[in-house]
Amino acid sequence: MKRQSQLASKETAIRIQAPEAQDVFLAGSFNDWNPSTMRMQRDSDGSWIAIIPLTPGRHEYKFVVDGRWCCNPSGPEFEDECPGHVRNSLGTLNCTIDVSDESGNSPASQER
């Protein structure tokens, strides 16, 4: 079985609805939480998108919308039991995405 570091990256789209935003960046476990290296592109419908290579497994991330870190720029941050989010060491929430391998399986559910 391949280890995660040997698995091929998959182009993965991450999107957020933020029509009033001037700048949106993506920061997460995949870029050492750097808030200024992954600028998202504005779509015609007011959403922002980043297509990034991610290895299979779970990745955590947040958006940096006009300089403010958030999961949900259009409303309050999510409750503790919000699907697709986990609490971080700062006491706020991070978004999560699970990327499957070529066979459609998530490495978290596979034998290691």
PDB file of N, CA and C in Angstrom:
ATOM      1  N   MET A   1       0.847  -1.189   0.000  1.00  0.00           N
ATOM      2  CA  MET A   1       0.000   0.000   0.000  1.00  0.00           C
ATOM      3  C   MET A   1       0.890   1.249   0.000  1.00  0.00           C
ATOM      4  N   LYS A   2       0.476   2.243  -0.755  1.00  0.00           N
ATOM      5  CA  LYS A   2       1.231   3.492  -0.825  1.00  0.00           C
ATOM      6  C   LYS A   2       1.062   4.284   0.461  1.00  0.00           C
ATOM      7  N   ARG A   3       2.109   4.946   0.866  1.00  0.00           N
ATOM      8  CA  ARG A   3       2.008   5.895   1.967  1.00  0.00           C
ATOM      9  C   ARG A   3       1.470   7.206   1.420  1.00  0.00           C
ATOM     10  N   GLN A   4       0.945   8.066   2.303  1.00  0.00           N
ATOM     11  CA  GLN A   4       0.340   9.320   1.842  1.00  0.00           C
ATOM     12  C   GLN A   4       1.316  10.147   1.027  1.00  0.00           C
ATOM     13  N   SER A   5       2.599  10.175   1.421  1.00  0.00           N
ATOM     14  CA  SER A   5       3.576  10.981   0.693  1.00  0.00           C
ATOM     15  C   SER A   5       3.824  10.444  -0.710  1.00  0.00           C
ATOM     16  N   GLN A   6       3.483   9.145  -0.951  1.00  0.00           N
ATOM     17  CA  GLN A   6       3.691   8.552  -2.263  1.00  0.00           C
ATOM     18  C   GLN A   6       2.446   8.665  -3.136  1.00  0.00           C
ATOM     19  N   LEU A   7       1.318   9.029  -2.571  1.00  0.00           N
ATOM     20  CA  LEU A   7       0.090   9.123  -3.336  1.00  0.00           C
ATOM     21  C   LEU A   7       0.091  10.381  -4.194  1.00  0.00           C
ATOM     22  N   ALA A   8      -0.494  10.260  -5.357  1.00  0.00           N
ATOM     23  CA  ALA A   8      -0.539  11.391  -6.282  1.00  0.00           C
ATOM     24  C   ALA A   8      -1.513  12.451  -5.789  1.00  0.00           C
ATOM     25  N   SER A   9      -1.167  13.693  -6.027  1.00  0.00           N
ATOM     26  CA  SER A   9      -2.058  14.799  -5.694  1.00  0.00           C
ATOM     27  C   SER A   9      -3.210  14.834  -6.687  1.00  0.00           C
ATOM     28  N   LYS A  10      -4.351  15.332  -6.211  1.00  0.00           N
ATOM     29  CA  LYS A  10      -5.523  15.496  -7.072  1.00  0.00           C
ATOM     30  C   LYS A  10      -5.879  16.973  -7.109  1.00  0.00           C
ATOM     31  N   GLU A  11      -6.164  17.483  -8.296  1.00  0.00           N
ATOM     32  CA  GLU A  11      -6.621  18.858  -8.427  1.00  0.00           C
ATOM     33  C   GLU A  11      -7.965  18.957  -7.703  1.00  0.00           C
ATOM     34  N   THR A  12      -8.044  19.849  -6.735  1.00  0.00           N
ATOM     35  CA  THR A  12      -9.223  19.959  -5.881  1.00  0.00           C
ATOM     36  C   THR A  12      -9.697  21.399  -5.868  1.00  0.00           C
ATOM     37  N   ALA A  13     -10.987  21.601  -6.093  1.00  0.00           N
ATOM     38  CA  ALA A  13     -11.563  22.950  -6.096  1.00  0.00           C
ATOM     39  C   ALA A  13     -12.121  23.266  -4.720  1.00  0.00           C
ATOM     40  N   ILE A  14     -11.759  24.429  -4.215  1.00  0.00           N
ATOM     41  CA  ILE A  14     -12.321  24.945  -2.964  1.00  0.00           C
ATOM     42  C   ILE A  14     -12.963  26.278  -3.311  1.00  0.00           C
ATOM     43  N   ARG A  15     -14.217  26.421  -2.917  1.00  0.00           N
ATOM     44  CA  ARG A  15     -14.998  27.599  -3.312  1.00  0.00           C
ATOM     45  C   ARG A  15     -15.651  28.216  -2.085  1.00  0.00           C
ATOM     46  N   ILE A  16     -15.827  29.538  -2.134  1.00  0.00           N
ATOM     47  CA  ILE A  16     -16.522  30.260  -1.068  1.00  0.00           C
ATOM     48  C   ILE A  16     -17.363  31.370  -1.700  1.00  0.00           C
ATOM     49  N   GLN A  17     -18.512  31.626  -1.122  1.00  0.00           N
ATOM     50  CA  GLN A  17     -19.374  32.707  -1.589  1.00  0.00           C
ATOM     51  C   GLN A  17     -19.033  33.962  -0.780  1.00  0.00           C
ATOM     52  N   ALA A  18     -18.491  34.977  -1.431  1.00  0.00           N
ATOM     53  CA  ALA A  18     -18.116  36.232  -0.769  1.00  0.00           C
ATOM     54  C   ALA A  18     -18.180  37.370  -1.778  1.00  0.00           C
ATOM     55  N   PRO A  19     -19.392  37.713  -2.240  1.00  0.00           N
ATOM     56  CA  PRO A  19     -19.529  38.691  -3.327  1.00  0.00           C
ATOM     57  C   PRO A  19     -19.036  40.097  -2.987  1.00  0.00           C
ATOM     58  N   GLU A  20     -19.012  40.467  -1.721  1.00  0.00           N
ATOM     59  CA  GLU A  20     -18.576  41.807  -1.329  1.00  0.00           C
ATOM     60  C   GLU A  20     -17.061  41.909  -1.126  1.00  0.00           C
ATOM     61  N   ALA A  21     -16.359  40.788  -1.129  1.00  0.00           N
ATOM     62  CA  ALA A  21     -14.921  40.764  -0.826  1.00  0.00           C
ATOM     63  C   ALA A  21     -14.097  41.397  -1.945  1.00  0.00           C
ATOM     64  N   GLN A  22     -13.005  42.027  -1.542  1.00  0.00           N
ATOM     65  CA  GLN A  22     -12.047  42.574  -2.492  1.00  0.00           C
ATOM     66  C   GLN A  22     -10.916  41.586  -2.770  1.00  0.00           C
ATOM     67  N   ASP A  23     -10.492  40.852  -1.735  1.00  0.00           N
ATOM     68  CA  ASP A  23      -9.422  39.853  -1.840  1.00  0.00           C
ATOM     69  C   ASP A  23      -9.761  38.674  -0.959  1.00  0.00           C
ATOM     70  N   VAL A  24      -9.541  37.472  -1.490  1.00  0.00           N
ATOM     71  CA  VAL A  24      -9.735  36.259  -0.705  1.00  0.00           C
ATOM     72  C   VAL A  24      -8.531  35.360  -0.929  1.00  0.00           C
ATOM     73  N   PHE A  25      -7.956  34.898   0.170  1.00  0.00           N
ATOM     74  CA  PHE A  25      -6.833  33.969   0.133  1.00  0.00           C
ATOM     75  C   PHE A  25      -7.237  32.692   0.851  1.00  0.00           C
ATOM     76  N   LEU A  26      -6.550  31.613   0.531  1.00  0.00           N
ATOM     77  CA  LEU A  26      -6.790  30.317   1.145  1.00  0.00           C
ATOM     78  C   LEU A  26      -5.549  29.937   1.931  1.00  0.00           C
ATOM     79  N   ALA A  27      -5.736  29.585   3.196  1.00  0.00           N
ATOM     80  CA  ALA A  27      -4.620  29.172   4.050  1.00  0.00           C
ATOM     81  C   ALA A  27      -5.012  27.875   4.727  1.00  0.00           C
ATOM     82  N   GLY A  28      -4.062  26.943   4.807  1.00  0.00           N
ATOM     83  CA  GLY A  28      -4.393  25.675   5.437  1.00  0.00           C
ATOM     84  C   GLY A  28      -3.193  24.793   5.669  1.00  0.00           C
ATOM     85  N   SER A  29      -3.504  23.563   6.059  1.00  0.00           N
ATOM     86  CA  SER A  29      -2.458  22.592   6.358  1.00  0.00           C
ATOM     87  C   SER A  29      -1.602  22.291   5.127  1.00  0.00           C
ATOM     88  N   PHE A  30      -2.100  22.554   3.940  1.00  0.00           N
ATOM     89  CA  PHE A  30      -1.398  22.277   2.685  1.00  0.00           C
ATOM     90  C   PHE A  30      -0.411  23.377   2.295  1.00  0.00           C
ATOM     91  N   ASN A  31      -0.453  24.560   2.961  1.00  0.00           N
ATOM     92  CA  ASN A  31       0.517  25.627   2.646  1.00  0.00           C
ATOM     93  C   ASN A  31       1.070  26.276   3.918  1.00  0.00           C
ATOM     94  N   ASP A  32       1.163  25.473   4.982  1.00  0.00           N
ATOM     95  CA  ASP A  32       1.695  25.939   6.271  1.00  0.00           C
ATOM     96  C   ASP A  32       0.942  27.148   6.811  1.00  0.00           C
ATOM     97  N   TRP A  33      -0.355  27.220   6.516  1.00  0.00           N
ATOM     98  CA  TRP A  33      -1.234  28.280   7.024  1.00  0.00           C
ATOM     99  C   TRP A  33      -0.752  29.675   6.630  1.00  0.00           C
ATOM    100  N   ASN A  34      -0.121  29.788   5.464  1.00  0.00           N
ATOM    101  CA  ASN A  34       0.350  31.086   4.993  1.00  0.00           C
ATOM    102  C   ASN A  34      -0.839  31.864   4.416  1.00  0.00           C
ATOM    103  N   PRO A  35      -1.166  33.031   4.986  1.00  0.00           N
ATOM    104  CA  PRO A  35      -2.360  33.771   4.565  1.00  0.00           C
ATOM    105  C   PRO A  35      -2.201  34.607   3.303  1.00  0.00           C
ATOM    106  N   SER A  36      -1.048  34.519   2.633  1.00  0.00           N
ATOM    107  CA  SER A  36      -0.868  35.410   1.482  1.00  0.00           C
ATOM    108  C   SER A  36      -0.308  34.735   0.233  1.00  0.00           C
ATOM    109  N   THR A  37      -0.189  33.417   0.209  1.00  0.00           N
ATOM    110  CA  THR A  37       0.399  32.777  -0.973  1.00  0.00           C
ATOM    111  C   THR A  37      -0.625  32.199  -1.948  1.00  0.00           C
ATOM    112  N   MET A  38      -1.852  31.925  -1.490  1.00  0.00           N
ATOM    113  CA  MET A  38      -2.854  31.323  -2.376  1.00  0.00           C
ATOM    114  C   MET A  38      -4.043  32.258  -2.549  1.00  0.00           C
ATOM    115  N   ARG A  39      -3.902  33.176  -3.507  1.00  0.00           N
ATOM    116  CA  ARG A  39      -5.010  34.100  -3.782  1.00  0.00           C
ATOM    117  C   ARG A  39      -6.052  33.359  -4.594  1.00  0.00           C
ATOM    118  N   MET A  40      -7.303  33.454  -4.172  1.00  0.00           N
ATOM    119  CA  MET A  40      -8.401  32.818  -4.875  1.00  0.00           C
ATOM    120  C   MET A  40      -8.866  33.733  -6.008  1.00  0.00           C
ATOM    121  N   GLN A  41      -9.494  33.141  -7.020  1.00  0.00           N
ATOM    122  CA  GLN A  41      -9.959  33.894  -8.178  1.00  0.00           C
ATOM    123  C   GLN A  41     -11.462  34.137  -8.075  1.00  0.00           C
ATOM    124  N   ARG A  42     -11.870  35.377  -8.352  1.00  0.00           N
ATOM    125  CA  ARG A  42     -13.296  35.729  -8.316  1.00  0.00           C
ATOM    126  C   ARG A  42     -13.998  35.162  -9.551  1.00  0.00           C
ATOM    127  N   ASP A  43     -15.178  34.570  -9.302  1.00  0.00           N
ATOM    128  CA  ASP A  43     -16.016  34.054 -10.378  1.00  0.00           C
ATOM    129  C   ASP A  43     -17.105  35.085 -10.669  1.00  0.00           C
ATOM    130  N   SER A  44     -17.772  34.969 -11.790  1.00  0.00           N
ATOM    131  CA  SER A  44     -18.782  35.956 -12.186  1.00  0.00           C
ATOM    132  C   SER A  44     -19.996  35.993 -11.260  1.00  0.00           C
ATOM    133  N   ASP A  45     -20.234  34.927 -10.492  1.00  0.00           N
ATOM    134  CA  ASP A  45     -21.389  34.880  -9.588  1.00  0.00           C
ATOM    135  C   ASP A  45     -21.081  35.410  -8.181  1.00  0.00           C
ATOM    136  N   GLY A  46     -19.873  35.967  -7.984  1.00  0.00           N
ATOM    137  CA  GLY A  46     -19.500  36.508  -6.676  1.00  0.00           C
ATOM    138  C   GLY A  46     -18.817  35.504  -5.772  1.00  0.00           C
ATOM    139  N   SER A  47     -18.657  34.279  -6.266  1.00  0.00           N
ATOM    140  CA  SER A  47     -17.922  33.294  -5.477  1.00  0.00           C
ATOM    141  C   SER A  47     -16.438  33.396  -5.810  1.00  0.00           C
ATOM    142  N   TRP A  48     -15.632  32.797  -4.967  1.00  0.00           N
ATOM    143  CA  TRP A  48     -14.188  32.759  -5.169  1.00  0.00           C
ATOM    144  C   TRP A  48     -13.779  31.301  -5.218  1.00  0.00           C
ATOM    145  N   ILE A  49     -12.789  30.979  -6.049  1.00  0.00           N
ATOM    146  CA  ILE A  49     -12.377  29.584  -6.213  1.00  0.00           C
ATOM    147  C   ILE A  49     -10.862  29.476  -6.265  1.00  0.00           C
ATOM    148  N   ALA A  50     -10.371  28.383  -5.697  1.00  0.00           N
ATOM    149  CA  ALA A  50      -8.959  28.010  -5.826  1.00  0.00           C
ATOM    150  C   ALA A  50      -8.939  26.545  -6.226  1.00  0.00           C
ATOM    151  N   ILE A  51      -8.139  26.215  -7.205  1.00  0.00           N
ATOM    152  CA  ILE A  51      -7.958  24.821  -7.603  1.00  0.00           C
ATOM    153  C   ILE A  51      -6.522  24.476  -7.258  1.00  0.00           C
ATOM    154  N   ILE A  52      -6.392  23.557  -6.298  1.00  0.00           N
ATOM    155  CA  ILE A  52      -5.068  23.251  -5.764  1.00  0.00           C
ATOM    156  C   ILE A  52      -4.831  21.742  -5.742  1.00  0.00           C
ATOM    157  N   PRO A  53      -3.566  21.323  -5.857  1.00  0.00           N
ATOM    158  CA  PRO A  53      -3.267  19.892  -5.771  1.00  0.00           C
ATOM    159  C   PRO A  53      -3.238  19.471  -4.293  1.00  0.00           C
ATOM    160  N   LEU A  54      -4.040  18.466  -3.953  1.00  0.00           N
ATOM    161  CA  LEU A  54      -4.052  17.947  -2.583  1.00  0.00           C
ATOM    162  C   LEU A  54      -3.831  16.442  -2.606  1.00  0.00           C
ATOM    163  N   THR A  55      -3.022  15.956  -1.689  1.00  0.00           N
ATOM    164  CA  THR A  55      -2.822  14.520  -1.549  1.00  0.00           C
ATOM    165  C   THR A  55      -4.028  13.921  -0.835  1.00  0.00           C
ATOM    166  N   PRO A  56      -4.299  12.643  -1.029  1.00  0.00           N
ATOM    167  CA  PRO A  56      -5.405  12.007  -0.325  1.00  0.00           C
ATOM    168  C   PRO A  56      -5.265  12.142   1.187  1.00  0.00           C
ATOM    169  N   GLY A  57      -6.391  12.340   1.844  1.00  0.00           N
ATOM    170  CA  GLY A  57      -6.429  12.499   3.293  1.00  0.00           C
ATOM    171  C   GLY A  57      -7.242  13.720   3.664  1.00  0.00           C
ATOM    172  N   ARG A  58      -7.261  14.025   4.957  1.00  0.00           N
ATOM    173  CA  ARG A  58      -8.007  15.181   5.454  1.00  0.00           C
ATOM    174  C   ARG A  58      -7.095  16.391   5.514  1.00  0.00           C
ATOM    175  N   HIS A  59      -7.608  17.516   5.030  1.00  0.00           N
ATOM    176  CA  HIS A  59      -6.889  18.786   5.062  1.00  0.00           C
ATOM    177  C   HIS A  59      -7.770  19.816   5.764  1.00  0.00           C
ATOM    178  N   GLU A  60      -7.145  20.673   6.570  1.00  0.00           N
ATOM    179  CA  GLU A  60      -7.865  21.753   7.242  1.00  0.00           C
ATOM    180  C   GLU A  60      -7.478  23.076   6.595  1.00  0.00           C
ATOM    181  N   TYR A  61      -8.432  24.010   6.573  1.00  0.00           N
ATOM    182  CA  TYR A  61      -8.155  25.306   5.946  1.00  0.00           C
ATOM    183  C   TYR A  61      -9.114  26.362   6.459  1.00  0.00           C
ATOM    184  N   LYS A  62      -8.765  27.608   6.167  1.00  0.00           N
ATOM    185  CA  LYS A  62      -9.623  28.767   6.423  1.00  0.00           C
ATOM    186  C   LYS A  62      -9.451  29.730   5.259  1.00  0.00           C
ATOM    187  N   PHE A  63     -10.389  30.642   5.160  1.00  0.00           N
ATOM    188  CA  PHE A  63     -10.311  31.709   4.172  1.00  0.00           C
ATOM    189  C   PHE A  63      -9.817  32.968   4.861  1.00  0.00           C
ATOM    190  N   VAL A  64      -9.088  33.790   4.127  1.00  0.00           N
ATOM    191  CA  VAL A  64      -8.669  35.094   4.621  1.00  0.00           C
ATOM    192  C   VAL A  64      -9.344  36.105   3.687  1.00  0.00           C
ATOM    193  N   VAL A  65     -10.459  36.649   4.180  1.00  0.00           N
ATOM    194  CA  VAL A  65     -11.306  37.535   3.379  1.00  0.00           C
ATOM    195  C   VAL A  65     -11.041  38.973   3.792  1.00  0.00           C
ATOM    196  N   ASP A  66     -10.443  39.732   2.883  1.00  0.00           N
ATOM    197  CA  ASP A  66     -10.086  41.127   3.165  1.00  0.00           C
ATOM    198  C   ASP A  66      -9.339  41.238   4.496  1.00  0.00           C
ATOM    199  N   GLY A  67      -8.404  40.306   4.722  1.00  0.00           N
ATOM    200  CA  GLY A  67      -7.553  40.332   5.909  1.00  0.00           C
ATOM    201  C   GLY A  67      -8.124  39.651   7.139  1.00  0.00           C
ATOM    202  N   ARG A  68      -9.371  39.156   7.063  1.00  0.00           N
ATOM    203  CA  ARG A  68     -10.007  38.523   8.225  1.00  0.00           C
ATOM    204  C   ARG A  68     -10.097  37.011   8.008  1.00  0.00           C
ATOM    205  N   TRP A  69      -9.555  36.249   8.982  1.00  0.00           N
ATOM    206  CA  TRP A  69      -9.608  34.791   8.927  1.00  0.00           C
ATOM    207  C   TRP A  69     -11.022  34.339   9.243  1.00  0.00           C
ATOM    208  N   CYS A  70     -11.573  33.451   8.424  1.00  0.00           N
ATOM    209  CA  CYS A  70     -12.930  32.977   8.693  1.00  0.00           C
ATOM    210  C   CYS A  70     -13.220  31.685   7.939  1.00  0.00           C
ATOM    211  N   CYS A  71     -14.294  31.029   8.358  1.00  0.00           N
ATOM    212  CA  CYS A  71     -14.848  29.882   7.631  1.00  0.00           C
ATOM    213  C   CYS A  71     -16.059  30.315   6.818  1.00  0.00           C
ATOM    214  N   ASN A  72     -16.760  31.340   7.326  1.00  0.00           N
ATOM    215  CA  ASN A  72     -18.015  31.780   6.736  1.00  0.00           C
ATOM    216  C   ASN A  72     -18.060  33.308   6.705  1.00  0.00           C
ATOM    217  N   PRO A  73     -17.635  33.931   5.614  1.00  0.00           N
ATOM    218  CA  PRO A  73     -17.559  35.389   5.586  1.00  0.00           C
ATOM    219  C   PRO A  73     -18.910  36.093   5.551  1.00  0.00           C
ATOM    220  N   SER A  74     -19.969  35.382   5.195  1.00  0.00           N
ATOM    221  CA  SER A  74     -21.262  36.036   5.038  1.00  0.00           C
ATOM    222  C   SER A  74     -22.157  35.940   6.273  1.00  0.00           C
ATOM    223  N   GLY A  75     -21.634  35.399   7.355  1.00  0.00           N
ATOM    224  CA  GLY A  75     -22.456  35.268   8.554  1.00  0.00           C
ATOM    225  C   GLY A  75     -21.615  34.896   9.755  1.00  0.00           C
ATOM    226  N   PRO A  76     -22.280  34.497  10.838  1.00  0.00           N
ATOM    227  CA  PRO A  76     -21.540  34.125  12.041  1.00  0.00           C
ATOM    228  C   PRO A  76     -20.741  32.848  11.817  1.00  0.00           C
ATOM    229  N   GLU A  77     -19.690  32.670  12.601  1.00  0.00           N
ATOM    230  CA  GLU A  77     -18.932  31.434  12.523  1.00  0.00           C
ATOM    231  C   GLU A  77     -19.822  30.287  12.973  1.00  0.00           C
ATOM    232  N   PHE A  78     -19.477  29.095  12.611  1.00  0.00           N
ATOM    233  CA  PHE A  78     -20.317  27.930  12.820  1.00  0.00           C
ATOM    234  C   PHE A  78     -20.318  27.463  14.271  1.00  0.00           C
ATOM    235  N   GLU A  79     -21.331  26.682  14.603  1.00  0.00           N
ATOM    236  CA  GLU A  79     -21.460  26.086  15.933  1.00  0.00           C
ATOM    237  C   GLU A  79     -20.447  24.963  16.100  1.00  0.00           C
ATOM    238  N   ASP A  80     -20.269  24.516  17.347  1.00  0.00           N
ATOM    239  CA  ASP A  80     -19.308  23.453  17.650  1.00  0.00           C
ATOM    240  C   ASP A  80     -19.521  22.184  16.825  1.00  0.00           C
ATOM    241  N   GLU A  81     -20.749  21.793  16.625  1.00  0.00           N
ATOM    242  CA  GLU A  81     -21.053  20.536  15.943  1.00  0.00           C
ATOM    243  C   GLU A  81     -21.412  20.767  14.479  1.00  0.00           C
ATOM    244  N   CYS A  82     -20.626  21.516  13.770  1.00  0.00           N
ATOM    245  CA  CYS A  82     -20.906  21.828  12.374  1.00  0.00           C
ATOM    246  C   CYS A  82     -20.195  20.810  11.471  1.00  0.00           C
ATOM    247  N   PRO A  83     -20.932  20.062  10.647  1.00  0.00           N
ATOM    248  CA  PRO A  83     -20.288  19.098   9.745  1.00  0.00           C
ATOM    249  C   PRO A  83     -19.278  19.792   8.834  1.00  0.00           C
ATOM    250  N   GLY A  84     -18.147  19.140   8.613  1.00  0.00           N
ATOM    251  CA  GLY A  84     -17.124  19.701   7.735  1.00  0.00           C
ATOM    252  C   GLY A  84     -16.216  20.705   8.411  1.00  0.00           C
ATOM    253  N   HIS A  85     -16.312  20.815   9.741  1.00  0.00           N
ATOM    254  CA  HIS A  85     -15.482  21.751  10.492  1.00  0.00           C
ATOM    255  C   HIS A  85     -14.956  21.090  11.764  1.00  0.00           C
ATOM    256  N   VAL A  86     -13.767  21.504  12.185  1.00  0.00           N
ATOM    257  CA  VAL A  86     -13.182  21.003  13.429  1.00  0.00           C
ATOM    258  C   VAL A  86     -12.653  22.184  14.229  1.00  0.00           C
ATOM    259  N   ARG A  87     -12.650  22.036  15.531  1.00  0.00           N
ATOM    260  CA  ARG A  87     -12.111  23.072  16.410  1.00  0.00           C
ATOM    261  C   ARG A  87     -10.581  23.029  16.334  1.00  0.00           C
ATOM    262  N   ASN A  88      -9.957  24.206  16.295  1.00  0.00           N
ATOM    263  CA  ASN A  88      -8.498  24.273  16.239  1.00  0.00           C
ATOM    264  C   ASN A  88      -7.930  24.692  17.597  1.00  0.00           C
ATOM    265  N   SER A  89      -6.628  24.777  17.694  1.00  0.00           N
ATOM    266  CA  SER A  89      -5.968  25.094  18.966  1.00  0.00           C
ATOM    267  C   SER A  89      -6.198  26.534  19.419  1.00  0.00           C
ATOM    268  N   LEU A  90      -6.720  27.386  18.542  1.00  0.00           N
ATOM    269  CA  LEU A  90      -7.002  28.778  18.905  1.00  0.00           C
ATOM    270  C   LEU A  90      -8.431  28.963  19.415  1.00  0.00           C
ATOM    271  N   GLY A  91      -9.205  27.875  19.429  1.00  0.00           N
ATOM    272  CA  GLY A  91     -10.577  27.949  19.910  1.00  0.00           C
ATOM    273  C   GLY A  91     -11.591  28.337  18.848  1.00  0.00           C
ATOM    274  N   THR A  92     -11.163  28.450  17.595  1.00  0.00           N
ATOM    275  CA  THR A  92     -12.086  28.732  16.497  1.00  0.00           C
ATOM    276  C   THR A  92     -12.218  27.462  15.649  1.00  0.00           C
ATOM    277  N   LEU A  93     -12.942  27.552  14.561  1.00  0.00           N
ATOM    278  CA  LEU A  93     -13.134  26.388  13.707  1.00  0.00           C
ATOM    279  C   LEU A  93     -12.346  26.502  12.413  1.00  0.00           C
ATOM    280  N   ASN A  94     -11.929  25.346  11.911  1.00  0.00           N
ATOM    281  CA  ASN A  94     -11.327  25.229  10.592  1.00  0.00           C
ATOM    282  C   ASN A  94     -12.270  24.431   9.711  1.00  0.00           C
ATOM    283  N   CYS A  95     -12.313  24.760   8.430  1.00  0.00           N
ATOM    284  CA  CYS A  95     -13.014  23.944   7.448  1.00  0.00           C
ATOM    285  C   CYS A  95     -12.165  22.693   7.209  1.00  0.00           C
ATOM    286  N   THR A  96     -12.807  21.608   6.787  1.00  0.00           N
ATOM    287  CA  THR A  96     -12.073  20.391   6.436  1.00  0.00           C
ATOM    288  C   THR A  96     -12.518  19.905   5.068  1.00  0.00           C
ATOM    289  N   ILE A  97     -11.598  19.229   4.406  1.00  0.00           N
ATOM    290  CA  ILE A  97     -11.914  18.565   3.151  1.00  0.00           C
ATOM    291  C   ILE A  97     -11.200  17.222   3.171  1.00  0.00           C
ATOM    292  N   ASP A  98     -11.919  16.176   2.786  1.00  0.00           N
ATOM    293  CA  ASP A  98     -11.348  14.835   2.687  1.00  0.00           C
ATOM    294  C   ASP A  98     -11.171  14.507   1.216  1.00  0.00           C
ATOM    295  N   VAL A  99      -9.930  14.230   0.826  1.00  0.00           N
ATOM    296  CA  VAL A  99      -9.610  13.906  -0.555  1.00  0.00           C
ATOM    297  C   VAL A  99      -9.388  12.397  -0.633  1.00  0.00           C
ATOM    298  N   SER A 100     -10.096  11.734  -1.550  1.00  0.00           N
ATOM    299  CA  SER A 100      -9.956  10.288  -1.696  1.00  0.00           C
ATOM    300  C   SER A 100      -8.799   9.955  -2.637  1.00  0.00           C
ATOM    301  N   ASP A 101      -8.351   8.705  -2.574  1.00  0.00           N
ATOM    302  CA  ASP A 101      -7.294   8.271  -3.493  1.00  0.00           C
ATOM    303  C   ASP A 101      -7.917   7.877  -4.836  1.00  0.00           C
ATOM    304  N   GLU A 102      -7.112   7.344  -5.744  1.00  0.00           N
ATOM    305  CA  GLU A 102      -7.584   7.016  -7.090  1.00  0.00           C
ATOM    306  C   GLU A 102      -8.744   6.033  -7.074  1.00  0.00           C
ATOM    307  N   SER A 103      -8.814   5.165  -6.074  1.00  0.00           N
ATOM    308  CA  SER A 103      -9.876   4.158  -6.021  1.00  0.00           C
ATOM    309  C   SER A 103     -11.145   4.696  -5.373  1.00  0.00           C
ATOM    310  N   GLY A 104     -11.109   5.965  -4.930  1.00  0.00           N
ATOM    311  CA  GLY A 104     -12.274   6.554  -4.312  1.00  0.00           C
ATOM    312  C   GLY A 104     -12.316   6.363  -2.804  1.00  0.00           C
ATOM    313  N   ASN A 105     -11.282   5.749  -2.235  1.00  0.00           N
ATOM    314  CA  ASN A 105     -11.236   5.530  -0.797  1.00  0.00           C
ATOM    315  C   ASN A 105     -10.477   6.647  -0.105  1.00  0.00           C
ATOM    316  N   SER A 106     -10.913   7.019   1.063  1.00  0.00           N
ATOM    317  CA  SER A 106     -10.193   7.985   1.875  1.00  0.00           C
ATOM    318  C   SER A 106      -9.132   7.232   2.661  1.00  0.00           C
ATOM    319  N   PRO A 107      -7.869   7.697   2.685  1.00  0.00           N
ATOM    320  CA  PRO A 107      -6.820   6.999   3.409  1.00  0.00           C
ATOM    321  C   PRO A 107      -7.161   6.815   4.893  1.00  0.00           C
ATOM    322  N   ALA A 108      -7.981   7.678   5.445  1.00  0.00           N
ATOM    323  CA  ALA A 108      -8.335   7.554   6.859  1.00  0.00           C
ATOM    324  C   ALA A 108      -9.083   6.259   7.114  1.00  0.00           C
ATOM    325  N   SER A 109      -9.764   5.729   6.091  1.00  0.00           N
ATOM    326  CA  SER A 109     -10.530   4.511   6.286  1.00  0.00           C
ATOM    327  C   SER A 109      -9.759   3.273   5.821  1.00  0.00           C
ATOM    328  N   GLN A 110      -8.554   3.454   5.317  1.00  0.00           N
ATOM    329  CA  GLN A 110      -7.764   2.332   4.835  1.00  0.00           C
ATOM    330  C   GLN A 110      -6.797   1.861   5.899  1.00  0.00           C
ATOM    331  N   GLU A 111      -6.352   0.595   5.723  1.00  0.00           N
ATOM    332  CA  GLU A 111      -5.308   0.073   6.589  1.00  0.00           C
ATOM    333  C   GLU A 111      -4.018   0.803   6.287  1.00  0.00           C
ATOM    334  N   ARG A 112      -3.208   1.006   7.289  1.00  0.00           N
ATOM    335  CA  ARG A 112      -1.929   1.682   7.064  1.00  0.00           C
ATOM    336  C   ARG A 112      -0.803   0.692   7.086  1.00  0.00           C
TER     337      ARG A 112
END
